Structure formats: C-alpha cells, structure tokens
Amino acid sequence: MSNEEFDQIFDEKSSEINEQLESEILIAMIGDVNAGKSSTINRLMGSEVAQVGAKPGETIEIRKFIFKDKIIFVDTPGLDDIYTEHSAETLKFYKQADLILFFLNAAGTVLSETELKSLKKIAKVNKDIILVLNKIDAADDIPSLVKYVEEHTDYNYPITPISSRTGENISLLQKEVLDLLETKKKRHFNGR
C-alpha cells in the first residue's frame, strides 16, 4: 500500500472516530528541541501546519493543531521546559493529554539522561506514551537503537522508528495513533 493510500485511510478513520467522540482528544508531542515534532505533525496531518524552524526552540508555547474537530495535535516546547517556571503548567497539560508522542532523536543521543528523567516524570502523570524514534534516515543500525531504548525504558512503551523528513514509517505511526484513538473512543463510550 502506498503512503498516499495510508494517508487517506488515516484521514478517513480519524474522521470516523472524530464523529463518535464525546469530547476532545489531545495528542501531545514532546521531545527535545529539534527532535522533529513539528515536521511529524505536518506529516500526520498531511499539510504544512506547524512552523518547522531551523533555529532551536522554534516552539515557545503549547500550540494546538486541530486535525479533526475533536482530535487535536499539540506541539509543546522543548523538554528543558519541564524544569523551568512553566513546569507545573506543562505537567498539568501532560496529565490531561490522551496520548503522548515522546520524541527521541535516532541521529543524536537517542535517549539522554535528561530525556529519561523527563519520560519518568511524565509517566508518573500519564501512561499513554508512544516513543517516536525520529530521524532514522540519518542513523545506522535502527534495530539496536530500538533495543537500547527498550532496555532503558523497561519495555514499557511501544517504540515507532520514523523519519519525518523522508516519510519513512509514518504509516506505522498513523496506525499506532489510530489504535490508541480506538481505545480512547471505547473508553469514552463505556464511561457514559
């Protein structure tokens, strides 16, 4: 199946789920500066909605991108923000999110001490996390990077290796997101 077909299915399925939702679903994108969150939002939404900045720290505040009327992607500032005066607000926001996409850079440190600390901090308030290993187009031996991340996060989270630049594996990420939306939708229904 081509990427275009996948994009179309993702779009249709999301619309379908959106119709059945009682309330908004927030998908938070978290990760170090320049981890490729904005370009991934653009890939998932199929249009250039998020400013992709070459300068570090292009995203200074929490920004919402309405994908479907009730499905919303939220781009958050770099991880360092968890430790600044905004941290209480940021954590409160993570607690509210329905799904967290936690970005790691396959071409960088992969999982730094700071990233691990942040992940643990976030996991205390929210367990619905997908680890997105981005920039695989610029890294070697992806399987061992994935293994490394799994071992250091106690196999607690699904890991999706992607390249937001080339579009590689974006369909995998779309599938993960849809699965979680389905689960959330059921929970919304059963919660009534």
Protein backbone atom coordinates (compact mmCIF):
# COMPACT_ATOMS: atom_id res chain seq x y z
CA MET A 1 0.00 0.00 0.00
CA SER A 2 1.37 3.42 -0.89
CA ASN A 3 1.88 6.25 1.57
CA GLU A 4 -0.90 8.18 -0.16
CA GLU A 5 -3.34 5.33 0.41
CA PHE A 6 -2.28 5.15 4.02
CA ASP A 7 -2.73 8.90 4.43
CA GLN A 8 -6.22 8.57 3.02
CA ILE A 9 -7.14 5.69 5.35
CA PHE A 10 -5.71 7.59 8.32
CA ASP A 11 -7.75 10.61 7.33
CA GLU A 12 -10.99 8.64 6.88
CA LYS A 13 -10.59 6.57 10.04
CA SER A 14 -9.75 9.65 12.09
CA SER A 15 -12.85 11.37 10.75
CA GLU A 16 -14.95 8.37 11.67
CA ILE A 17 -13.61 8.25 15.21
CA ASN A 18 -13.97 12.00 15.47
CA GLU A 19 -17.69 11.73 14.69
CA GLN A 20 -18.17 9.34 17.60
CA LEU A 21 -16.22 11.23 20.22
CA GLU A 22 -17.97 12.91 23.09
CA SER A 23 -15.07 15.15 23.94
CA GLU A 24 -11.73 16.29 22.57
CA ILE A 25 -8.75 14.01 22.33
CA LEU A 26 -5.41 15.68 22.81
CA ILE A 27 -2.26 14.18 21.33
CA ALA A 28 0.78 15.83 22.87
CA MET A 29 4.11 15.90 21.09
CA ILE A 30 7.02 16.01 23.50
CA GLY A 31 10.72 15.95 22.92
CA ASP A 32 13.98 17.80 22.87
CA VAL A 33 14.42 20.87 20.78
CA ASN A 34 14.73 19.93 17.08
CA ALA A 35 13.52 16.34 17.59
CA GLY A 36 11.22 16.78 14.60
CA LYS A 37 7.89 17.22 16.37
CA SER A 38 6.59 19.95 14.05
CA SER A 39 7.55 18.11 10.87
CA THR A 40 5.85 14.98 12.20
CA ILE A 41 2.66 16.92 12.91
CA ASN A 42 2.80 18.12 9.31
CA ARG A 43 3.23 14.54 8.08
CA LEU A 44 0.38 13.20 10.21
CA MET A 45 -1.99 16.00 9.26
CA GLY A 46 -0.99 15.92 5.62
CA SER A 47 -0.28 19.63 5.39
CA GLU A 48 2.28 22.21 6.45
CA VAL A 49 0.53 23.49 9.52
CA ALA A 50 3.37 23.61 12.03
CA GLN A 51 6.25 26.03 11.57
CA VAL A 52 9.34 23.93 11.12
CA GLY A 53 12.19 26.04 12.43
CA ALA A 54 15.87 25.50 11.83
CA LYS A 55 16.53 27.58 14.91
CA PRO A 56 16.43 25.65 18.17
CA GLY A 57 13.40 26.34 20.27
CA GLU A 58 11.09 27.44 17.47
CA THR A 59 8.08 26.30 19.54
CA ILE A 60 7.91 28.52 22.58
CA GLU A 61 4.49 27.77 23.86
CA ILE A 62 1.96 25.00 23.70
CA ARG A 63 0.39 25.17 20.25
CA LYS A 64 -2.72 23.30 19.17
CA PHE A 65 -3.34 21.99 15.69
CA ILE A 66 -6.89 20.86 15.06
CA PHE A 67 -6.64 17.74 12.96
CA LYS A 68 -10.30 16.81 13.12
CA ASP A 69 -12.78 18.83 15.05
CA LYS A 70 -12.15 16.78 18.23
CA ILE A 71 -8.72 15.28 17.52
CA ILE A 72 -6.03 17.78 18.32
CA PHE A 73 -2.25 17.59 18.00
CA VAL A 74 -0.40 19.73 20.47
CA ASP A 75 3.16 20.81 19.95
CA THR A 76 4.97 21.55 23.19
CA PRO A 77 8.15 23.49 23.89
CA GLY A 78 11.44 21.62 24.25
CA LEU A 79 11.90 19.28 27.19
CA ASP A 80 14.03 21.69 29.17
CA ASP A 81 10.80 23.50 29.84
CA ILE A 82 9.76 20.82 32.33
CA TYR A 83 12.41 22.20 34.63
CA THR A 84 11.61 25.88 34.36
CA GLU A 85 8.90 28.04 35.84
CA HIS A 86 6.46 26.66 33.28
CA SER A 87 6.91 23.16 34.61
CA ALA A 88 3.78 22.90 36.77
CA GLU A 89 1.66 24.07 33.87
CA THR A 90 3.42 21.75 31.44
CA LEU A 91 2.96 18.73 33.70
CA LYS A 92 -0.69 19.58 34.24
CA PHE A 93 -1.06 19.62 30.50
CA TYR A 94 0.65 16.22 30.12
CA LYS A 95 -1.76 14.82 32.66
CA GLN A 96 -4.71 15.96 30.51
CA ALA A 97 -3.33 14.60 27.24
CA ASP A 98 -4.94 11.43 25.89
CA LEU A 99 -1.83 10.31 24.11
CA ILE A 100 1.77 11.39 24.35
CA LEU A 101 4.18 11.04 21.47
CA PHE A 102 7.60 11.24 23.10
CA PHE A 103 10.26 12.04 20.51
CA LEU A 104 13.78 10.66 20.58
CA ASN A 105 16.47 11.52 18.06
CA ALA A 106 17.94 8.43 16.37
CA ALA A 107 20.72 10.56 14.94
CA GLY A 108 21.56 12.13 18.30
CA THR A 109 21.91 10.86 21.85
CA VAL A 110 18.87 8.58 21.31
CA LEU A 111 17.92 8.58 25.00
CA SER A 112 19.82 11.08 27.11
CA GLU A 113 19.72 11.20 30.88
CA THR A 114 17.53 14.32 30.70
CA GLU A 115 15.14 12.63 28.30
CA LEU A 116 14.88 9.59 30.53
CA LYS A 117 14.26 11.78 33.58
CA SER A 118 11.55 13.69 31.73
CA LEU A 119 9.97 10.49 30.49
CA LYS A 120 9.78 9.14 34.03
CA LYS A 121 8.35 12.41 35.28
CA ILE A 122 5.66 12.39 32.59
CA ALA A 123 4.91 8.67 33.04
CA LYS A 124 4.01 9.44 36.66
CA VAL A 125 1.05 11.52 35.45
CA ASN A 126 0.28 9.74 32.15
CA LYS A 127 0.97 6.19 30.96
CA ASP A 128 -0.33 6.52 27.39
CA ILE A 129 3.00 7.10 25.71
CA ILE A 130 4.38 6.11 22.33
CA LEU A 131 8.12 6.61 21.89
CA VAL A 132 8.81 8.04 18.46
CA LEU A 133 12.37 7.39 17.33
CA ASN A 134 12.75 10.05 14.66
CA LYS A 135 15.48 10.79 12.09
CA ILE A 136 16.15 7.14 11.26
CA ASP A 137 17.21 8.33 7.80
CA ALA A 138 20.33 9.76 9.45
CA ALA A 139 21.16 6.81 11.72
CA ASP A 140 22.67 3.35 11.39
CA ASP A 141 21.51 0.07 12.85
CA ILE A 142 17.99 1.06 13.89
CA PRO A 143 17.21 -2.36 15.48
CA SER A 144 19.96 -1.95 18.06
CA LEU A 145 18.84 1.63 18.80
CA VAL A 146 15.31 0.35 19.39
CA LYS A 147 16.67 -2.41 21.63
CA TYR A 148 18.70 0.13 23.58
CA VAL A 149 15.62 2.30 24.18
CA GLU A 150 13.50 -0.73 25.14
CA GLU A 151 16.04 -1.88 27.69
CA HIS A 152 16.39 1.57 29.24
CA THR A 153 12.63 2.14 29.46
CA ASP A 154 11.88 -1.36 30.81
CA TYR A 155 9.92 -2.34 27.70
CA ASN A 156 7.05 -0.15 28.96
CA TYR A 157 6.21 1.68 25.73
CA PRO A 158 5.72 0.94 22.05
CA ILE A 159 8.59 2.37 20.00
CA THR A 160 7.98 3.58 16.46
CA PRO A 161 11.07 4.39 14.39
CA ILE A 162 10.27 7.02 11.74
CA SER A 163 11.77 9.68 9.53
CA SER A 164 9.61 12.80 9.45
CA ARG A 165 11.92 14.10 6.73
CA THR A 166 11.52 11.23 4.25
CA GLY A 167 8.16 9.96 5.49
CA GLU A 168 9.54 6.51 6.23
CA ASN A 169 7.30 4.52 8.61
CA ILE A 170 4.87 7.41 9.08
CA SER A 171 2.10 4.91 8.26
CA LEU A 172 3.25 2.82 11.25
CA LEU A 173 2.89 5.83 13.49
CA GLN A 174 -0.53 6.60 11.99
CA LYS A 175 -1.57 3.05 12.85
CA GLU A 176 -0.35 3.39 16.45
CA VAL A 177 -2.24 6.66 16.82
CA LEU A 178 -5.43 5.14 15.37
CA ASP A 179 -5.20 2.13 17.70
CA LEU A 180 -4.97 4.43 20.65
CA LEU A 181 -7.81 6.62 19.40
CA GLU A 182 -9.96 3.49 19.05
CA THR A 183 -9.20 2.51 22.65
CA LYS A 184 -9.95 6.03 23.84
CA LYS A 185 -13.20 6.08 21.90
CA LYS A 186 -14.29 2.84 23.58
CA ARG A 187 -13.35 4.27 26.95
CA HIS A 188 -15.39 7.39 26.16
CA PHE A 189 -18.36 5.17 25.37
CA ASN A 190 -18.02 2.91 28.39
CA GLY A 191 -17.53 5.88 30.65
CA ARG A 192 -21.05 7.06 29.95
